[in-house]
Amino acid sequence: MVTRGTPEKQRMNEKYLAGVKNFETGVRLFQKQNYERAREIFEKLQGDSTVEVRNRAQVYLHLCKQRLAHTELSLRTPEDYYDLGVAQLNARQIEAALESLTKANKLRPNQEHIRYALAAAHALAGNADAAIEHLTAAIELRPNNRYQASKDEDFHSLASYPRFSRLIRQGVA
């Protein structure tokens, strides 16, 4: 015999299940070190979930805030932002990498290694024009970047672009 709860119990069960699903999404983002997005989810769960989910989310919310505060405090130099951006790029956290590398470029413009990393990040994000622009600058600053880009898997998405092909083969974008 299957018994059904009252409508109030059913609503509480639905709220609990929705909260658990959102909590799991937040945990996945936290594990991927996307602390900002995870923080947003855990903050929302503080008001929109059952006590059980809210208590667990509060722990993760605290951890997200700690990680975000630590990251912000330790990033002072263009090299700090560059190093973080490359780590994010390698972890395929493309949006975060673009943000970090852009900050590095603003703090210290026209550094070939920063422009090259920005080109790779834009290529991976599907922004061909921005990728080619940054790669052109990186090659102008250090011509050896031409050969490196021709072998770099991060630029495979640009292979069908004539501007990229000319830049790599002939040096003209």
C-alpha atoms as a PDB file:
ATOM      1  CA  MET A   1       0.000   0.000   0.000  1.00  0.00           C
ATOM      2  CA  VAL A   2       1.418   3.368  -1.041  1.00  0.00           C
ATOM      3  CA  THR A   3       0.614   6.269   1.180  1.00  0.00           C
ATOM      4  CA  ARG A   4       0.883   9.815   0.119  1.00  0.00           C
ATOM      5  CA  GLY A   5       1.757  12.665   2.379  1.00  0.00           C
ATOM      6  CA  THR A   6      -0.222  15.778   2.774  1.00  0.00           C
ATOM      7  CA  PRO A   7       0.219  18.461   0.144  1.00  0.00           C
ATOM      8  CA  GLU A   8       2.407  20.362   2.635  1.00  0.00           C
ATOM      9  CA  LYS A   9       4.725  17.364   3.056  1.00  0.00           C
ATOM     10  CA  GLN A  10       4.898  16.920  -0.713  1.00  0.00           C
ATOM     11  CA  ARG A  11       5.871  20.594  -1.147  1.00  0.00           C
ATOM     12  CA  MET A  12       8.554  20.220   1.526  1.00  0.00           C
ATOM     13  CA  ASN A  13       9.892  17.097  -0.207  1.00  0.00           C
ATOM     14  CA  GLU A  14       9.969  18.913  -3.570  1.00  0.00           C
ATOM     15  CA  LYS A  15      11.741  21.871  -1.955  1.00  0.00           C
ATOM     16  CA  TYR A  16      14.266  19.519  -0.366  1.00  0.00           C
ATOM     17  CA  LEU A  17      14.951  17.699  -3.654  1.00  0.00           C
ATOM     18  CA  ALA A  18      15.336  20.986  -5.546  1.00  0.00           C
ATOM     19  CA  GLY A  19      17.698  22.234  -2.840  1.00  0.00           C
ATOM     20  CA  VAL A  20      19.788  19.057  -3.016  1.00  0.00           C
ATOM     21  CA  LYS A  21      20.044  19.352  -6.784  1.00  0.00           C
ATOM     22  CA  ASN A  22      21.199  22.982  -6.549  1.00  0.00           C
ATOM     23  CA  PHE A  23      23.593  22.093  -3.735  1.00  0.00           C
ATOM     24  CA  GLU A  24      25.178  19.370  -5.898  1.00  0.00           C
ATOM     25  CA  THR A  25      25.596  21.883  -8.729  1.00  0.00           C
ATOM     26  CA  GLY A  26      27.309  24.265  -6.317  1.00  0.00           C
ATOM     27  CA  VAL A  27      29.638  21.524  -5.081  1.00  0.00           C
ATOM     28  CA  ARG A  28      30.625  20.639  -8.663  1.00  0.00           C
ATOM     29  CA  LEU A  29      31.424  24.300  -9.366  1.00  0.00           C
ATOM     30  CA  PHE A  30      33.399  24.480  -6.124  1.00  0.00           C
ATOM     31  CA  GLN A  31      35.402  21.398  -7.112  1.00  0.00           C
ATOM     32  CA  LYS A  32      36.156  23.037 -10.468  1.00  0.00           C
ATOM     33  CA  GLN A  33      37.400  26.066  -8.496  1.00  0.00           C
ATOM     34  CA  ASN A  34      34.673  28.286  -9.901  1.00  0.00           C
ATOM     35  CA  TYR A  35      34.175  29.841  -6.484  1.00  0.00           C
ATOM     36  CA  GLU A  36      32.244  32.886  -7.652  1.00  0.00           C
ATOM     37  CA  ARG A  37      29.452  30.879  -9.321  1.00  0.00           C
ATOM     38  CA  ALA A  38      29.426  28.345  -6.479  1.00  0.00           C
ATOM     39  CA  ARG A  39      29.120  31.194  -3.965  1.00  0.00           C
ATOM     40  CA  GLU A  40      26.074  32.532  -5.830  1.00  0.00           C
ATOM     41  CA  ILE A  41      24.339  29.154  -5.635  1.00  0.00           C
ATOM     42  CA  PHE A  42      25.154  28.626  -1.956  1.00  0.00           C
ATOM     43  CA  GLU A  43      23.928  32.146  -1.130  1.00  0.00           C
ATOM     44  CA  LYS A  44      20.642  31.450  -2.884  1.00  0.00           C
ATOM     45  CA  LEU A  45      20.275  28.215  -0.925  1.00  0.00           C
ATOM     46  CA  GLN A  46      20.469  30.207   2.334  1.00  0.00           C
ATOM     47  CA  GLY A  47      16.955  31.482   1.722  1.00  0.00           C
ATOM     48  CA  ASP A  48      15.406  29.005  -0.662  1.00  0.00           C
ATOM     49  CA  SER A  49      15.959  25.589   0.869  1.00  0.00           C
ATOM     50  CA  THR A  50      15.277  23.335   3.805  1.00  0.00           C
ATOM     51  CA  VAL A  51      17.311  23.509   7.000  1.00  0.00           C
ATOM     52  CA  GLU A  52      19.398  20.453   6.095  1.00  0.00           C
ATOM     53  CA  VAL A  53      20.453  21.830   2.732  1.00  0.00           C
ATOM     54  CA  ARG A  54      20.853  25.355   4.086  1.00  0.00           C
ATOM     55  CA  ASN A  55      23.262  24.176   6.801  1.00  0.00           C
ATOM     56  CA  ARG A  56      25.447  22.253   4.337  1.00  0.00           C
ATOM     57  CA  ALA A  57      25.389  25.124   1.856  1.00  0.00           C
ATOM     58  CA  GLN A  58      26.481  27.513   4.603  1.00  0.00           C
ATOM     59  CA  VAL A  59      29.712  25.541   5.088  1.00  0.00           C
ATOM     60  CA  TYR A  60      30.510  25.691   1.379  1.00  0.00           C
ATOM     61  CA  LEU A  61      29.528  29.351   1.226  1.00  0.00           C
ATOM     62  CA  HIS A  62      32.088  30.092   3.930  1.00  0.00           C
ATOM     63  CA  LEU A  63      34.759  28.118   2.022  1.00  0.00           C
ATOM     64  CA  CYS A  64      33.961  29.964  -1.222  1.00  0.00           C
ATOM     65  CA  LYS A  65      34.305  33.323   0.502  1.00  0.00           C
ATOM     66  CA  GLN A  66      37.640  32.266   2.000  1.00  0.00           C
ATOM     67  CA  ARG A  67      38.984  31.095  -1.359  1.00  0.00           C
ATOM     68  CA  LEU A  68      37.800  34.238  -3.137  1.00  0.00           C
ATOM     69  CA  ALA A  69      39.291  36.507  -0.463  1.00  0.00           C
ATOM     70  CA  HIS A  70      42.585  34.637  -0.586  1.00  0.00           C
ATOM     71  CA  THR A  71      42.751  34.867  -4.365  1.00  0.00           C
ATOM     72  CA  GLU A  72      41.984  38.579  -4.405  1.00  0.00           C
ATOM     73  CA  LEU A  73      44.544  39.370  -1.734  1.00  0.00           C
ATOM     74  CA  SER A  74      47.376  37.416  -3.280  1.00  0.00           C
ATOM     75  CA  LEU A  75      47.033  38.837  -6.802  1.00  0.00           C
ATOM     76  CA  ARG A  76      49.036  42.026  -6.953  1.00  0.00           C
ATOM     77  CA  THR A  77      51.377  41.947  -9.907  1.00  0.00           C
ATOM     78  CA  PRO A  78      50.873  41.296 -13.620  1.00  0.00           C
ATOM     79  CA  GLU A  79      52.857  38.090 -13.126  1.00  0.00           C
ATOM     80  CA  ASP A  80      50.386  36.950 -10.457  1.00  0.00           C
ATOM     81  CA  TYR A  81      47.479  37.452 -12.840  1.00  0.00           C
ATOM     82  CA  TYR A  82      49.404  35.843 -15.696  1.00  0.00           C
ATOM     83  CA  ASP A  83      50.287  32.767 -13.622  1.00  0.00           C
ATOM     84  CA  LEU A  84      46.697  32.413 -12.453  1.00  0.00           C
ATOM     85  CA  GLY A  85      45.412  32.897 -16.009  1.00  0.00           C
ATOM     86  CA  VAL A  86      47.699  30.201 -17.399  1.00  0.00           C
ATOM     87  CA  ALA A  87      46.650  27.802 -14.630  1.00  0.00           C
ATOM     88  CA  GLN A  88      43.005  28.535 -15.412  1.00  0.00           C
ATOM     89  CA  LEU A  89      43.675  28.098 -19.118  1.00  0.00           C
ATOM     90  CA  ASN A  90      45.292  24.721 -18.475  1.00  0.00           C
ATOM     91  CA  ALA A  91      42.297  23.718 -16.345  1.00  0.00           C
ATOM     92  CA  ARG A  92      40.062  24.881 -19.215  1.00  0.00           C
ATOM     93  CA  GLN A  93      38.413  27.548 -17.087  1.00  0.00           C
ATOM     94  CA  ILE A  94      38.365  29.778 -20.129  1.00  0.00           C
ATOM     95  CA  GLU A  95      36.226  32.666 -18.854  1.00  0.00           C
ATOM     96  CA  ALA A  96      38.270  32.970 -15.677  1.00  0.00           C
ATOM     97  CA  ALA A  97      41.502  32.735 -17.689  1.00  0.00           C
ATOM     98  CA  LEU A  98      40.380  35.536 -19.992  1.00  0.00           C
ATOM     99  CA  GLU A  99      39.609  37.730 -17.001  1.00  0.00           C
ATOM    100  CA  SER A 100      42.957  37.083 -15.290  1.00  0.00           C
ATOM    101  CA  LEU A 101      45.009  37.460 -18.459  1.00  0.00           C
ATOM    102  CA  THR A 102      43.191  40.659 -19.406  1.00  0.00           C
ATOM    103  CA  LYS A 103      44.085  42.105 -15.988  1.00  0.00           C
ATOM    104  CA  ALA A 104      47.717  41.088 -16.514  1.00  0.00           C
ATOM    105  CA  ASN A 105      47.714  42.760 -19.929  1.00  0.00           C
ATOM    106  CA  LYS A 106      46.219  45.968 -18.519  1.00  0.00           C
ATOM    107  CA  LEU A 107      48.819  46.093 -15.768  1.00  0.00           C
ATOM    108  CA  ARG A 108      51.699  45.385 -18.146  1.00  0.00           C
ATOM    109  CA  PRO A 109      50.705  45.912 -21.790  1.00  0.00           C
ATOM    110  CA  ASN A 110      52.470  44.385 -24.761  1.00  0.00           C
ATOM    111  CA  GLN A 111      54.213  41.490 -23.103  1.00  0.00           C
ATOM    112  CA  GLU A 112      54.535  38.703 -25.640  1.00  0.00           C
ATOM    113  CA  HIS A 113      53.829  35.883 -23.199  1.00  0.00           C
ATOM    114  CA  ILE A 114      50.668  37.567 -21.916  1.00  0.00           C
ATOM    115  CA  ARG A 115      49.427  38.357 -25.422  1.00  0.00           C
ATOM    116  CA  TYR A 116      50.159  34.765 -26.532  1.00  0.00           C
ATOM    117  CA  ALA A 117      48.180  33.355 -23.584  1.00  0.00           C
ATOM    118  CA  LEU A 118      45.321  35.769 -24.329  1.00  0.00           C
ATOM    119  CA  ALA A 119      45.342  34.575 -27.940  1.00  0.00           C
ATOM    120  CA  ALA A 120      45.099  30.958 -26.811  1.00  0.00           C
ATOM    121  CA  ALA A 121      42.277  31.742 -24.378  1.00  0.00           C
ATOM    122  CA  HIS A 122      40.308  33.610 -27.035  1.00  0.00           C
ATOM    123  CA  ALA A 123      40.859  30.783 -29.529  1.00  0.00           C
ATOM    124  CA  LEU A 124      39.515  28.266 -27.016  1.00  0.00           C
ATOM    125  CA  ALA A 125      36.549  30.550 -26.319  1.00  0.00           C
ATOM    126  CA  GLY A 126      35.754  30.712 -30.027  1.00  0.00           C
ATOM    127  CA  ASN A 127      36.692  34.391 -30.395  1.00  0.00           C
ATOM    128  CA  ALA A 128      38.741  34.098 -33.591  1.00  0.00           C
ATOM    129  CA  ASP A 129      39.194  37.813 -34.271  1.00  0.00           C
ATOM    130  CA  ALA A 130      40.432  38.563 -30.751  1.00  0.00           C
ATOM    131  CA  ALA A 131      42.670  35.485 -30.818  1.00  0.00           C
ATOM    132  CA  ILE A 132      44.285  36.520 -34.107  1.00  0.00           C
ATOM    133  CA  GLU A 133      44.716  40.104 -32.877  1.00  0.00           C
ATOM    134  CA  HIS A 134      46.536  38.988 -29.728  1.00  0.00           C
ATOM    135  CA  LEU A 135      48.554  36.377 -31.592  1.00  0.00           C
ATOM    136  CA  THR A 136      49.641  38.961 -34.164  1.00  0.00           C
ATOM    137  CA  ALA A 137      50.902  41.189 -31.340  1.00  0.00           C
ATOM    138  CA  ALA A 138      52.650  38.254 -29.649  1.00  0.00           C
ATOM    139  CA  ILE A 139      54.415  37.368 -32.906  1.00  0.00           C
ATOM    140  CA  GLU A 140      55.434  40.984 -33.518  1.00  0.00           C
ATOM    141  CA  LEU A 141      56.939  41.078 -30.029  1.00  0.00           C
ATOM    142  CA  ARG A 142      58.609  37.672 -30.375  1.00  0.00           C
ATOM    143  CA  PRO A 143      58.730  36.124 -33.857  1.00  0.00           C
ATOM    144  CA  ASN A 144      59.345  32.614 -32.451  1.00  0.00           C
ATOM    145  CA  ASN A 145      55.715  32.632 -31.324  1.00  0.00           C
ATOM    146  CA  ARG A 146      54.777  32.000 -34.966  1.00  0.00           C
ATOM    147  CA  TYR A 147      56.283  28.512 -34.890  1.00  0.00           C
ATOM    148  CA  GLN A 148      54.952  27.805 -31.411  1.00  0.00           C
ATOM    149  CA  ALA A 149      51.405  28.766 -32.447  1.00  0.00           C
ATOM    150  CA  SER A 150      51.596  26.566 -35.533  1.00  0.00           C
ATOM    151  CA  LYS A 151      52.113  23.550 -33.243  1.00  0.00           C
ATOM    152  CA  ASP A 152      49.899  24.635 -30.345  1.00  0.00           C
ATOM    153  CA  GLU A 153      46.659  22.628 -30.025  1.00  0.00           C
ATOM    154  CA  ASP A 154      44.925  25.628 -28.461  1.00  0.00           C
ATOM    155  CA  PHE A 155      44.861  27.231 -31.917  1.00  0.00           C
ATOM    156  CA  HIS A 156      43.431  24.269 -33.863  1.00  0.00           C
ATOM    157  CA  SER A 157      40.028  25.950 -33.957  1.00  0.00           C
ATOM    158  CA  LEU A 158      41.592  28.745 -36.025  1.00  0.00           C
ATOM    159  CA  ALA A 159      43.062  26.479 -38.701  1.00  0.00           C
ATOM    160  CA  SER A 160      40.235  27.225 -41.146  1.00  0.00           C
ATOM    161  CA  TYR A 161      40.661  31.001 -40.848  1.00  0.00           C
ATOM    162  CA  PRO A 162      42.692  32.454 -43.747  1.00  0.00           C
ATOM    163  CA  ARG A 163      44.028  35.285 -41.524  1.00  0.00           C
ATOM    164  CA  PHE A 164      45.416  32.733 -39.099  1.00  0.00           C
ATOM    165  CA  SER A 165      46.925  30.626 -41.881  1.00  0.00           C
ATOM    166  CA  ARG A 166      48.617  33.684 -43.425  1.00  0.00           C
ATOM    167  CA  LEU A 167      49.902  34.796 -40.033  1.00  0.00           C
ATOM    168  CA  ILE A 168      51.420  31.400 -39.272  1.00  0.00           C
ATOM    169  CA  ARG A 169      52.801  30.669 -42.747  1.00  0.00           C
ATOM    170  CA  GLN A 170      53.736  34.044 -44.154  1.00  0.00           C
ATOM    171  CA  GLY A 171      53.682  36.375 -41.201  1.00  0.00           C
ATOM    172  CA  VAL A 172      50.842  38.579 -42.495  1.00  0.00           C
ATOM    173  CA  ALA A 173      47.479  38.612 -40.746  1.00  0.00           C
END
